[in-house]
N, C-alpha and C. Protein backbone atom coordinates (compact mmCIF):
# COMPACT_ATOMS: atom_id res chain seq x y z
N UNK A 1 0.74 -1.22 0.13
CA UNK A 1 0.00 0.04 -0.01
C UNK A 1 0.90 1.23 0.01
N UNK A 2 2.08 1.27 0.80
CA UNK A 2 2.75 2.36 0.88
C UNK A 2 3.44 2.65 -0.50
N UNK A 3 4.00 1.54 -1.21
CA UNK A 3 4.53 1.86 -2.48
C UNK A 3 3.54 2.44 -3.46
N UNK A 4 2.29 2.02 -3.46
CA UNK A 4 1.30 2.47 -4.22
C UNK A 4 0.95 3.94 -4.16
N UNK A 5 0.93 4.44 -2.79
CA UNK A 5 0.84 5.86 -2.59
C UNK A 5 1.99 6.62 -2.95
N UNK A 6 3.25 6.12 -2.81
CA UNK A 6 4.43 6.79 -3.39
C UNK A 6 4.29 6.92 -4.87
N UNK A 7 3.94 5.84 -5.56
CA UNK A 7 3.78 5.88 -7.01
C UNK A 7 2.76 6.93 -7.56
N UNK A 8 1.61 6.85 -6.91
CA UNK A 8 0.50 7.86 -7.18
C UNK A 8 0.93 9.27 -6.99
N UNK A 9 1.53 9.51 -5.85
CA UNK A 9 1.98 10.83 -5.56
C UNK A 9 3.01 11.37 -6.59
N UNK A 10 4.03 10.53 -6.91
CA UNK A 10 4.93 10.82 -8.08
C UNK A 10 4.21 11.10 -9.32
N UNK A 11 3.26 10.40 -9.73
CA UNK A 11 2.59 10.61 -10.88
C UNK A 11 1.77 11.93 -10.93
N UNK A 12 1.23 12.25 -9.74
CA UNK A 12 0.45 13.45 -9.70
C UNK A 12 1.30 14.70 -9.80
N UNK A 13 2.46 14.69 -9.02
CA UNK A 13 3.49 15.68 -9.10
C UNK A 13 3.99 15.91 -10.61
N UNK A 14 4.44 14.79 -11.15
CA UNK A 14 4.90 14.79 -12.47
C UNK A 14 3.93 15.34 -13.57
N UNK A 15 2.63 14.91 -13.41
CA UNK A 15 1.60 15.37 -14.15
C UNK A 15 1.26 16.89 -14.06
N UNK A 16 1.52 17.50 -12.86
CA UNK A 16 1.23 18.85 -12.54
C UNK A 16 2.41 19.73 -12.91
N UNK A 17 3.42 19.13 -13.44
CA UNK A 17 4.75 19.92 -13.76
C UNK A 17 4.51 21.05 -14.74
N UNK A 18 3.55 20.84 -15.64
CA UNK A 18 3.31 21.91 -16.62
C UNK A 18 2.45 22.97 -16.17
N UNK A 19 1.81 22.80 -14.88
CA UNK A 19 0.91 23.80 -14.39
C UNK A 19 1.70 24.80 -13.44
N UNK A 20 2.77 24.39 -13.00
CA UNK A 20 3.56 25.21 -11.92
C UNK A 20 4.83 25.73 -12.50
N UNK A 21 5.29 26.78 -11.85
CA UNK A 21 6.59 27.36 -12.28
C UNK A 21 7.01 28.39 -11.31
N UNK A 22 8.41 28.42 -11.10
CA UNK A 22 8.90 29.54 -10.32
C UNK A 22 8.98 30.84 -11.23
N UNK A 23 8.15 31.79 -10.91
CA UNK A 23 7.97 32.91 -11.68
C UNK A 23 8.97 34.00 -11.35
N UNK A 24 9.77 33.80 -10.32
CA UNK A 24 10.68 34.91 -9.78
C UNK A 24 11.59 35.35 -10.88
N UNK A 25 11.69 36.65 -10.91
CA UNK A 25 12.70 37.35 -11.77
C UNK A 25 11.98 37.69 -13.13
N UNK A 26 10.64 37.48 -13.16
CA UNK A 26 9.99 37.83 -14.51
C UNK A 26 9.25 39.14 -14.21
N UNK A 27 9.40 39.80 -13.21
CA UNK A 27 8.71 41.07 -12.92
C UNK A 27 7.64 40.99 -11.92
N UNK A 28 7.15 39.72 -11.54
CA UNK A 28 6.15 39.43 -10.64
C UNK A 28 6.69 39.30 -9.18
N UNK A 29 7.47 40.10 -8.63
CA UNK A 29 8.18 39.87 -7.41
C UNK A 29 7.52 40.16 -6.13
N UNK A 30 6.36 40.96 -6.24
CA UNK A 30 5.54 41.33 -5.10
C UNK A 30 4.29 40.64 -5.11
N UNK A 31 3.90 39.97 -4.07
CA UNK A 31 2.63 39.26 -3.90
C UNK A 31 2.08 39.48 -2.59
N UNK A 32 0.66 39.45 -2.53
CA UNK A 32 -0.04 39.70 -1.27
C UNK A 32 -1.24 38.72 -1.18
N UNK A 33 -1.64 38.47 0.00
CA UNK A 33 -2.71 37.49 0.14
C UNK A 33 -3.12 37.30 1.54
N UNK A 34 -3.61 36.08 1.92
CA UNK A 34 -4.11 35.65 3.31
C UNK A 34 -3.34 34.56 3.84
N UNK A 35 -3.24 34.56 5.13
CA UNK A 35 -2.59 33.45 5.79
C UNK A 35 -3.49 33.01 7.02
N UNK A 36 -3.67 31.67 7.09
CA UNK A 36 -4.52 31.06 8.09
C UNK A 36 -3.78 30.23 9.01
N UNK A 37 -3.90 30.43 10.30
CA UNK A 37 -3.17 29.63 11.26
C UNK A 37 -2.68 30.52 12.34
N UNK A 38 -1.27 30.44 12.48
CA UNK A 38 -0.62 31.27 13.47
C UNK A 38 0.47 32.15 12.63
N UNK A 39 0.11 33.42 12.33
CA UNK A 39 -0.91 34.10 12.49
C UNK A 39 -2.16 33.92 11.45
N UNK A 40 -3.22 34.54 11.76
CA UNK A 40 -4.28 34.53 10.69
C UNK A 40 -4.46 35.97 10.38
N UNK A 41 -4.31 36.30 9.12
CA UNK A 41 -4.42 37.71 8.71
C UNK A 41 -3.95 37.87 7.33
N UNK A 42 -3.11 38.97 6.97
CA UNK A 42 -2.69 39.36 5.66
C UNK A 42 -1.10 38.93 5.50
N UNK A 43 -0.74 38.72 4.33
CA UNK A 43 0.66 38.35 4.05
C UNK A 43 1.07 39.19 2.91
N UNK A 44 2.48 39.47 2.91
CA UNK A 44 2.98 40.18 1.76
C UNK A 44 4.44 39.55 1.55
N UNK A 45 4.73 39.26 0.34
CA UNK A 45 5.99 38.66 -0.03
C UNK A 45 6.69 39.46 -1.17
N UNK A 46 7.99 39.74 -0.99
CA UNK A 46 8.81 40.43 -1.97
C UNK A 46 9.98 39.73 -2.19
N UNK A 47 10.24 39.17 -3.44
CA UNK A 47 11.42 38.52 -3.82
C UNK A 47 12.53 39.58 -4.13
N UNK A 48 13.67 39.48 -3.27
CA UNK A 48 14.79 40.35 -3.43
C UNK A 48 15.72 39.76 -4.43
N UNK A 49 15.83 38.48 -4.67
CA UNK A 49 16.59 37.69 -5.49
C UNK A 49 15.74 36.61 -6.06
N UNK A 50 16.15 35.85 -7.04
CA UNK A 50 15.39 34.73 -7.62
C UNK A 50 15.02 33.68 -6.58
N UNK A 51 15.85 33.50 -5.62
CA UNK A 51 15.72 32.44 -4.55
C UNK A 51 15.61 33.00 -3.17
N UNK A 52 15.42 34.30 -2.94
CA UNK A 52 15.46 34.91 -1.64
C UNK A 52 14.33 35.79 -1.60
N UNK A 53 13.59 35.90 -0.36
CA UNK A 53 12.38 36.78 -0.21
C UNK A 53 12.19 37.27 1.08
N UNK A 54 11.76 38.50 1.20
CA UNK A 54 11.15 39.14 2.38
C UNK A 54 9.74 38.77 2.63
N UNK A 55 9.21 38.28 3.76
CA UNK A 55 7.79 38.06 3.94
C UNK A 55 7.42 38.89 5.14
N UNK A 56 6.22 39.62 5.06
CA UNK A 56 5.57 40.13 6.24
C UNK A 56 4.17 39.83 6.40
N UNK A 57 3.86 39.42 7.78
CA UNK A 57 2.53 38.91 8.00
C UNK A 57 1.96 39.83 9.13
N UNK A 58 0.65 40.20 8.96
CA UNK A 58 -0.02 41.00 9.99
C UNK A 58 -1.39 40.26 10.28
N UNK A 59 -1.53 40.07 11.58
CA UNK A 59 -2.77 39.32 11.79
C UNK A 59 -2.96 39.15 13.28
N UNK A 60 -3.83 38.28 13.79
CA UNK A 60 -4.16 37.90 15.02
C UNK A 60 -3.42 36.57 15.34
N UNK A 61 -2.81 36.35 16.65
CA UNK A 61 -2.18 35.20 16.98
C UNK A 61 -2.20 35.12 18.60
N UNK A 62 -1.68 34.00 19.01
CA UNK A 62 -1.47 33.71 20.40
C UNK A 62 -0.42 34.63 21.09
N UNK A 63 0.38 35.07 20.11
CA UNK A 63 1.61 35.91 20.68
C UNK A 63 1.23 37.29 20.83
N UNK A 64 0.00 37.77 20.18
CA UNK A 64 -0.48 39.17 20.39
C UNK A 64 -1.42 39.54 19.19
N UNK A 65 -2.35 40.31 19.51
CA UNK A 65 -3.27 40.64 18.43
C UNK A 65 -3.43 42.24 18.51
N UNK A 66 -2.87 42.91 17.60
CA UNK A 66 -2.33 42.39 16.35
C UNK A 66 -0.94 41.98 16.62
N UNK A 67 -0.40 41.15 15.61
CA UNK A 67 0.95 40.65 15.48
C UNK A 67 1.52 40.87 14.16
N UNK A 68 2.71 41.44 14.18
CA UNK A 68 3.52 41.71 12.96
C UNK A 68 4.74 40.85 12.88
N UNK A 69 4.97 40.13 11.87
CA UNK A 69 6.24 39.40 11.73
C UNK A 69 6.90 39.72 10.46
N UNK A 70 8.26 39.54 10.45
CA UNK A 70 9.07 39.82 9.21
C UNK A 70 10.08 38.68 9.20
N UNK A 71 10.07 38.06 8.02
CA UNK A 71 10.90 36.83 7.79
C UNK A 71 11.83 37.03 6.54
N UNK A 72 12.92 36.39 6.55
CA UNK A 72 13.84 36.41 5.35
C UNK A 72 14.02 34.91 4.95
N UNK A 73 13.49 34.53 3.87
CA UNK A 73 13.44 33.06 3.41
C UNK A 73 14.52 32.86 2.18
N UNK A 74 15.14 31.72 2.28
CA UNK A 74 15.88 31.19 1.16
C UNK A 74 15.11 30.06 0.54
N UNK A 75 14.90 30.08 -0.71
CA UNK A 75 14.16 28.95 -1.44
C UNK A 75 15.08 27.96 -2.00
N UNK A 76 14.88 26.67 -1.81
CA UNK A 76 15.68 25.57 -2.37
C UNK A 76 15.01 24.70 -3.24
N UNK A 77 15.62 24.35 -4.27
CA UNK A 77 14.97 23.39 -5.32
C UNK A 77 15.28 21.99 -4.83
N UNK A 78 14.70 21.63 -3.89
CA UNK A 78 14.93 20.15 -3.20
C UNK A 78 14.37 19.12 -4.12
N UNK A 79 13.31 19.45 -4.70
CA UNK A 79 12.52 18.45 -5.69
C UNK A 79 13.07 18.43 -7.01
N UNK A 80 14.04 19.21 -7.37
CA UNK A 80 14.59 19.27 -8.71
C UNK A 80 13.36 19.46 -9.75
N UNK A 81 12.50 20.36 -9.41
CA UNK A 81 11.28 20.59 -10.08
C UNK A 81 10.87 21.98 -10.10
N UNK A 82 10.14 22.44 -11.05
CA UNK A 82 9.58 23.91 -10.91
C UNK A 82 8.30 23.76 -10.30
N UNK A 83 7.73 22.61 -9.87
CA UNK A 83 6.42 22.57 -9.25
C UNK A 83 6.49 23.18 -7.82
N UNK A 84 7.41 22.78 -7.07
CA UNK A 84 7.35 23.19 -5.62
C UNK A 84 8.80 23.61 -5.29
N UNK A 85 8.87 24.46 -4.35
CA UNK A 85 10.24 24.84 -3.67
C UNK A 85 10.07 24.69 -2.15
N UNK A 86 11.08 24.37 -1.50
CA UNK A 86 11.18 24.39 -0.13
C UNK A 86 11.81 25.70 0.34
N UNK A 87 11.36 26.32 1.37
CA UNK A 87 12.01 27.52 1.80
C UNK A 87 12.15 27.58 3.40
N UNK A 88 13.21 28.24 3.72
CA UNK A 88 13.40 28.23 5.23
C UNK A 88 14.13 29.57 5.64
N UNK A 89 14.12 30.03 6.87
CA UNK A 89 14.70 31.29 7.17
C UNK A 89 14.36 31.77 8.56
N UNK A 90 15.01 32.75 9.13
CA UNK A 90 14.83 33.29 10.34
C UNK A 90 13.70 34.51 10.28
N UNK A 91 13.21 34.94 11.35
CA UNK A 91 12.31 36.00 11.42
C UNK A 91 12.22 36.74 12.75
N UNK A 92 11.54 37.77 12.81
CA UNK A 92 11.28 38.53 14.06
C UNK A 92 9.78 38.74 14.19
N UNK A 93 9.30 38.63 15.45
CA UNK A 93 7.81 38.76 15.60
C UNK A 93 7.57 39.92 16.74
N UNK A 94 6.57 40.78 16.44
CA UNK A 94 6.24 41.70 17.49
C UNK A 94 4.70 41.43 17.76
N UNK A 95 4.38 41.48 19.12
CA UNK A 95 3.01 41.27 19.44
C UNK A 95 2.54 42.43 20.25
N UNK A 96 1.41 42.93 19.95
CA UNK A 96 0.77 44.01 20.63
C UNK A 96 -0.59 43.57 21.28
N UNK A 97 -0.69 43.86 22.60
CA UNK A 97 -2.03 43.50 23.15
C UNK A 97 -2.22 42.06 23.56
N UNK A 98 -3.36 41.64 23.98
CA UNK A 98 -3.67 40.32 24.37
C UNK A 98 -3.63 39.30 23.21
N UNK A 99 -3.16 38.19 23.42
CA UNK A 99 -3.13 37.16 22.39
C UNK A 99 -4.50 36.55 22.10
N UNK A 100 -4.86 36.29 20.84
CA UNK A 100 -6.08 35.62 20.44
C UNK A 100 -5.64 34.63 19.37
N UNK A 101 -5.31 33.61 19.69
CA UNK A 101 -4.85 32.57 18.67
C UNK A 101 -5.76 31.68 18.09
N UNK A 102 -5.38 31.00 17.03
CA UNK A 102 -6.14 30.03 16.37
C UNK A 102 -5.98 28.83 17.02
N UNK A 103 -4.83 28.43 17.57
CA UNK A 103 -4.53 27.08 18.27
C UNK A 103 -4.79 27.29 19.76
N UNK A 104 -4.51 28.34 20.38
CA UNK A 104 -4.70 28.52 21.74
C UNK A 104 -5.85 29.39 22.01
N UNK A 105 -6.91 28.76 22.65
CA UNK A 105 -8.15 29.52 22.90
C UNK A 105 -8.30 30.06 24.17
N UNK A 106 -7.64 29.51 25.32
CA UNK A 106 -7.90 29.93 26.68
C UNK A 106 -6.69 30.68 27.12
N UNK A 107 -6.81 31.38 28.27
CA UNK A 107 -5.68 32.15 28.74
C UNK A 107 -4.61 31.37 29.38
N UNK A 108 -4.73 30.00 29.32
CA UNK A 108 -3.63 29.16 29.82
C UNK A 108 -2.56 28.79 28.71
N UNK A 109 -2.86 29.41 27.47
CA UNK A 109 -2.05 29.14 26.33
C UNK A 109 -0.73 29.87 26.51
N UNK A 110 0.31 29.54 25.77
CA UNK A 110 1.62 30.08 25.82
C UNK A 110 1.38 31.59 25.41
N UNK A 111 2.17 32.41 25.99
CA UNK A 111 2.32 33.92 25.68
C UNK A 111 1.06 34.68 25.95
N UNK A 112 0.09 34.26 26.59
CA UNK A 112 -1.12 35.20 26.75
C UNK A 112 -0.75 36.27 27.66
N UNK A 113 -1.22 37.42 27.37
CA UNK A 113 -1.02 38.60 28.28
C UNK A 113 -2.32 39.18 28.43
N UNK A 114 -2.74 39.54 29.55
CA UNK A 114 -4.15 40.13 29.82
C UNK A 114 -4.01 41.68 29.53
N UNK A 115 -2.88 42.26 29.80
CA UNK A 115 -2.73 43.60 29.53
C UNK A 115 -2.11 43.89 28.15
N UNK A 116 -1.93 45.16 27.81
CA UNK A 116 -1.41 45.47 26.53
C UNK A 116 0.11 45.59 26.49
N UNK A 117 0.77 44.51 27.01
CA UNK A 117 2.29 44.51 27.06
C UNK A 117 2.67 44.27 25.50
N UNK A 118 3.89 44.79 25.33
CA UNK A 118 4.53 44.57 23.99
C UNK A 118 5.22 43.29 24.06
N UNK A 119 5.21 42.36 23.02
CA UNK A 119 5.84 41.10 23.02
C UNK A 119 6.88 41.10 21.77
N UNK A 120 8.01 40.57 22.09
CA UNK A 120 9.15 40.55 21.04
C UNK A 120 9.52 38.90 21.08
N UNK A 121 9.72 38.48 19.82
CA UNK A 121 10.15 37.15 19.65
C UNK A 121 10.90 37.03 18.36
N UNK A 122 11.58 35.76 18.35
CA UNK A 122 12.25 35.40 17.04
C UNK A 122 11.74 34.04 16.66
N UNK A 123 11.79 33.85 15.45
CA UNK A 123 11.19 32.40 14.95
C UNK A 123 12.11 31.90 13.71
N UNK A 124 12.07 30.62 13.62
CA UNK A 124 12.79 29.96 12.44
C UNK A 124 11.59 29.21 11.79
N UNK A 125 11.46 29.45 10.45
CA UNK A 125 10.35 28.85 9.70
C UNK A 125 10.82 27.92 8.66
N UNK A 126 10.06 26.98 8.21
CA UNK A 126 10.26 25.98 7.14
C UNK A 126 9.01 25.83 6.41
N UNK A 127 8.96 25.84 5.02
CA UNK A 127 7.71 25.73 4.31
C UNK A 127 7.96 25.18 2.93
N UNK A 128 6.80 24.91 2.25
CA UNK A 128 6.81 24.52 0.88
C UNK A 128 5.78 25.50 0.21
N UNK A 129 6.20 25.89 -1.01
CA UNK A 129 5.25 26.85 -1.78
C UNK A 129 5.10 26.23 -3.24
N UNK A 130 3.96 26.52 -3.80
CA UNK A 130 3.68 26.19 -5.18
C UNK A 130 3.38 27.42 -5.93
N UNK A 131 3.96 27.75 -7.03
CA UNK A 131 3.66 28.83 -7.90
C UNK A 131 3.04 28.38 -9.10
N UNK A 132 1.93 28.82 -9.42
CA UNK A 132 1.06 28.56 -10.66
C UNK A 132 1.75 29.13 -11.77
N UNK A 133 1.86 28.42 -12.93
CA UNK A 133 2.46 29.08 -14.17
C UNK A 133 1.51 29.99 -14.89
N UNK A 134 0.37 29.50 -14.98
CA UNK A 134 -0.62 30.20 -15.89
C UNK A 134 -1.53 31.25 -15.14
N UNK A 135 -1.50 31.13 -13.88
CA UNK A 135 -2.15 32.03 -13.08
C UNK A 135 -1.27 32.62 -12.01
N UNK A 136 -1.59 34.00 -11.62
CA UNK A 136 -0.62 34.56 -10.75
C UNK A 136 -0.86 34.27 -9.20
N UNK A 137 -0.93 33.00 -8.87
CA UNK A 137 -1.12 32.60 -7.49
C UNK A 137 -0.06 31.74 -6.94
N UNK A 138 0.21 31.84 -5.69
CA UNK A 138 1.17 31.02 -4.91
C UNK A 138 0.43 30.47 -3.79
N UNK A 139 0.62 29.09 -3.46
CA UNK A 139 0.01 28.50 -2.27
C UNK A 139 1.19 27.98 -1.48
N UNK A 140 0.96 28.11 -0.03
CA UNK A 140 2.10 27.74 0.65
C UNK A 140 1.60 27.23 2.04
N UNK A 141 2.53 26.19 2.62
CA UNK A 141 2.24 25.63 3.96
C UNK A 141 3.55 25.91 4.69
N UNK A 142 3.52 26.31 6.01
CA UNK A 142 4.77 26.52 6.68
C UNK A 142 4.53 26.14 8.22
N UNK A 143 5.78 25.84 8.84
CA UNK A 143 5.79 25.38 10.21
C UNK A 143 7.16 25.80 10.76
N UNK A 144 7.09 26.30 12.04
CA UNK A 144 8.30 26.80 12.68
C UNK A 144 8.21 26.85 14.12
N UNK A 145 9.23 27.35 14.78
CA UNK A 145 9.34 27.44 16.24
C UNK A 145 9.42 29.02 16.50
N UNK A 146 8.67 29.45 17.48
CA UNK A 146 8.73 30.82 17.90
C UNK A 146 9.34 30.87 19.33
N UNK A 147 10.30 31.76 19.53
CA UNK A 147 10.89 31.88 20.89
C UNK A 147 10.45 33.32 21.36
N UNK A 148 9.70 33.38 22.39
CA UNK A 148 9.32 34.68 22.89
C UNK A 148 10.57 35.09 23.70
N UNK A 149 10.90 36.40 23.68
CA UNK A 149 12.00 37.07 24.24
C UNK A 149 11.54 38.04 25.29
N UNK A 150 10.39 38.68 25.04
CA UNK A 150 9.94 39.78 26.10
C UNK A 150 8.39 39.80 25.83
N UNK A 151 7.58 40.07 26.96
CA UNK A 151 8.12 40.35 28.27
C UNK A 151 8.48 39.13 29.11
N UNK A 152 8.16 38.05 28.50
CA UNK A 152 8.56 36.69 29.27
C UNK A 152 9.23 35.81 28.07
N UNK A 153 10.15 34.87 28.66
CA UNK A 153 10.71 33.92 27.78
C UNK A 153 9.90 32.68 27.62
N UNK A 154 9.68 32.14 26.43
CA UNK A 154 8.82 30.94 26.27
C UNK A 154 8.85 30.48 24.83
N UNK A 155 8.35 29.37 24.57
CA UNK A 155 8.37 28.99 23.13
C UNK A 155 7.00 28.55 22.72
N UNK A 156 6.86 28.53 21.37
CA UNK A 156 5.58 28.04 20.78
C UNK A 156 5.84 27.59 19.27
N UNK A 157 4.64 27.25 18.71
CA UNK A 157 4.81 26.65 17.33
C UNK A 157 3.97 27.59 16.49
N UNK A 158 4.46 28.09 15.39
CA UNK A 158 3.67 28.63 14.34
C UNK A 158 3.50 27.68 13.18
N UNK A 159 2.21 27.48 12.68
CA UNK A 159 1.88 26.68 11.62
C UNK A 159 0.80 27.40 10.88
N UNK A 160 0.98 27.54 9.55
CA UNK A 160 -0.13 28.20 8.75
C UNK A 160 0.01 27.80 7.33
N UNK A 161 -1.08 28.07 6.68
CA UNK A 161 -1.16 27.81 5.13
C UNK A 161 -1.78 29.11 4.62
N UNK A 162 -1.48 29.32 3.33
CA UNK A 162 -2.12 30.49 2.73
C UNK A 162 -2.00 30.50 1.15
N UNK A 163 -2.34 31.82 0.73
CA UNK A 163 -2.36 32.01 -0.74
C UNK A 163 -1.95 33.43 -0.92
N UNK A 164 -1.14 33.68 -2.00
CA UNK A 164 -0.69 34.97 -2.40
C UNK A 164 -1.06 35.19 -3.89
N UNK A 165 -1.28 36.46 -4.20
CA UNK A 165 -1.61 36.85 -5.56
C UNK A 165 -0.46 37.74 -6.06
N UNK A 166 -0.05 37.60 -7.13
CA UNK A 166 1.07 38.34 -7.83
C UNK A 166 0.45 39.13 -8.97
N UNK A 167 0.13 40.43 -8.88
CA UNK A 167 -0.50 41.24 -9.90
C UNK A 167 0.56 41.50 -11.00
C-alpha cells in the first residue's frame, strides 16, 4: 500500500509539472494574500533575488493581537522541479495586546497577556510553496518554532497555510 501511495504521488506531481513554475525574476516579485493559522491575517512577499524573499505577516495570534512578523526566506530546489520549492529562514515577531490565537483559545496558552504589553520574539520557519504558471497565484504551507524574548521567555509553534496573488 505504501509503494502504491508513493507511485500515485509521483505521478500526480509529474503530471502537474506543466501547471507550476517559479515565476521569480519575471517582474512578478511582489505578492499579497491571506494566511490562516498562526498568525491569521494578511501576508506580503517580496522577492529580493530569484531564490530569496522578504515576507511580512499582519494578523491575530496567540503571541499578540495584532501581531507583525518579518521573515527572510531562502528557497531551495529540493525536488529538482519547478512545481514546488522548499523555503526556510529566520524572522522576528512583534505582538501588541492580548493574544487571540487560532490554536490557543484559553488564557492558559503560551504567551497570553491580559494587559497590553509589547511582545518580542524570534522564529525559524520551514515551508513549501507552489507557484502556478498560468495564473498569478502562490500556495504555501509553513511550520516553525517561535521563541518569545519579552516580556517573558517561552516557546511556541507557528503553523499556517495561505495564498498570495502576484499582480
